[in-house]
Protein backbone atom coordinates (compact mmCIF):
# COMPACT_ATOMS: atom_id res chain seq x y z
CA GLU A 1 267.35 214.57 153.99
CA ARG A 2 265.33 217.21 154.27
CA ALA A 3 268.01 219.12 156.40
CA ARG A 4 270.41 218.44 153.54
CA GLY A 5 267.82 219.38 150.94
CA ARG A 6 268.14 216.41 148.80
CA THR A 7 267.66 212.93 148.91
CA TYR A 8 270.21 210.07 148.82
CA ASP A 9 270.49 207.67 146.14
CA ILE A 10 271.29 204.53 147.55
CA VAL A 11 270.02 203.43 150.77
CA VAL A 12 271.05 200.95 153.55
CA LYS A 13 268.55 199.48 156.45
CA LEU A 14 270.63 197.17 159.20
CA ARG A 15 268.42 196.43 161.74
CA LEU A 16 269.17 197.69 165.21
CA ASP A 17 270.77 194.76 166.81
CA GLU A 18 273.31 193.95 164.36
CA GLU A 19 277.01 195.56 163.52
CA ILE A 20 279.24 195.10 160.54
CA CYS A 21 282.57 194.17 161.24
CA ALA A 22 284.21 193.94 157.75
CA PRO A 23 283.60 196.78 154.89
CA LEU A 24 280.54 196.60 151.70
CA LYS A 25 281.53 196.27 148.67
CA HIS A 26 282.27 199.88 147.68
CA TYR A 27 278.90 201.23 145.38
CA SER A 28 280.72 201.22 142.37
CA ALA A 29 280.90 197.67 142.35
CA PHE A 30 276.98 196.88 142.32
CA ASP A 31 275.22 197.86 138.64
CA TRP A 32 272.94 200.26 140.31
CA ASN A 33 271.97 201.31 136.90
CA LYS A 34 269.67 198.37 136.24
CA ARG A 35 268.98 198.10 140.10
CA HIS A 36 267.65 201.83 139.53
CA GLU A 37 265.54 200.57 136.14
CA GLU A 38 264.26 197.69 137.66
CA ASN A 39 263.08 199.46 141.10
CA ARG A 40 264.06 196.22 142.86
CA ILE A 41 265.72 196.25 146.94
CA ALA A 42 268.59 193.91 147.59
CA VAL A 43 267.95 192.23 150.66
CA TRP A 44 269.89 189.50 152.48
CA ALA A 45 268.43 186.20 152.03
CA ARG A 46 268.70 182.81 153.63
CA ASN A 47 267.32 179.20 152.73
CA ASP A 48 264.83 177.78 154.66
CA PRO A 49 266.44 174.89 156.33
CA THR A 50 262.91 172.67 155.70
CA ASP A 51 263.23 173.16 152.31
CA PRO A 52 266.88 174.37 150.37
CA LYS A 53 265.38 175.12 147.47
CA ASN A 54 263.00 177.94 148.60
CA VAL A 55 265.38 180.93 149.56
CA VAL A 56 263.61 183.52 152.54
CA VAL A 57 264.07 186.86 152.54
CA ASP A 58 266.27 187.99 155.80
CA ASP A 59 265.64 191.05 157.45
CA HIS A 60 269.21 191.94 158.57
CA LEU A 61 270.43 193.62 155.95
CA ALA A 62 268.84 195.90 152.32
CA VAL A 63 270.16 198.02 150.01
CA MET A 64 268.11 199.89 147.66
CA PRO A 65 267.80 202.86 145.26
CA ARG A 66 266.48 205.77 147.21
CA ARG A 67 262.75 205.34 145.35
CA ALA A 68 262.21 201.26 146.65
CA ALA A 69 263.24 202.85 150.38
CA ASP A 70 259.72 203.88 150.95
CA VAL A 71 258.50 200.56 150.04
CA TYR A 72 260.59 199.04 152.10
CA LEU A 73 260.78 201.72 155.00
CA ARG A 74 256.43 201.27 155.31
CA ALA A 75 256.86 197.28 155.79
CA ASN A 76 255.43 198.10 158.99
CA GLU A 77 252.07 198.71 157.64
CA GLU A 78 251.33 195.24 156.68
CA LEU A 79 251.18 194.52 160.20
CA LEU A 80 248.14 196.87 160.02
CA THR A 81 246.11 194.33 158.16
CA CYS A 82 245.94 191.69 160.62
CA ALA A 83 246.04 188.73 157.79
CA PRO A 84 245.33 185.63 159.10
CA TYR A 85 248.23 183.39 159.78
CA ASP A 86 248.29 181.02 156.71
CA ALA A 87 248.43 184.39 154.49
CA TYR A 88 252.18 184.19 155.24
CA THR A 89 252.63 180.48 154.10
CA PRO A 90 253.49 181.69 151.05
CA HIS A 91 256.41 183.72 152.46
CA CYS A 92 257.72 182.00 154.93
CA GLY A 93 259.11 178.47 154.26
CA TRP A 94 259.01 177.08 157.51
CA LYS A 95 256.80 177.04 160.74
CA TYR A 96 258.16 180.64 162.00
CA ARG A 97 255.91 183.47 161.53
CA GLY A 98 258.42 186.70 162.44
CA THR A 99 259.91 189.53 161.17
CA GLU A 100 260.92 188.43 157.65
CA CYS A 101 256.96 187.22 156.97
CA TYR A 102 255.84 190.51 157.25
CA LEU A 103 258.54 191.16 155.47
CA SER A 104 258.62 189.34 152.38
CA LYS A 105 254.65 189.61 151.84
CA TRP A 106 254.77 193.35 151.81
CA LEU A 107 257.68 193.44 149.66
CA PHE A 108 255.52 190.78 147.53
CA LEU A 109 253.13 193.05 147.04
CA ASN A 110 254.00 196.45 146.95
CA ASP A 111 257.26 195.03 145.03
């Protein structure tokens, strides 16, 4: 962005160990005006295997307005809080406490 002298309108973040084998929807298919007004981040999500009603944030893919990207891309700062294990329970419905839990808690507190 610095080299171009301007920022992107939309930021797409994909995990480094992933690849997309089919095209994403064209950006015009999303209601970006609404997303921009809400300053929301669209993330991939899945159901908690122990409770299908509980939707859990997935860190594989995220699409967001540029101004929300600063929050999402700083989620690593959650690790610096050294929060106790139980602090992540509301953000992860199952026993696994991995990257999605850190991301979910960070977005909950900063979104």
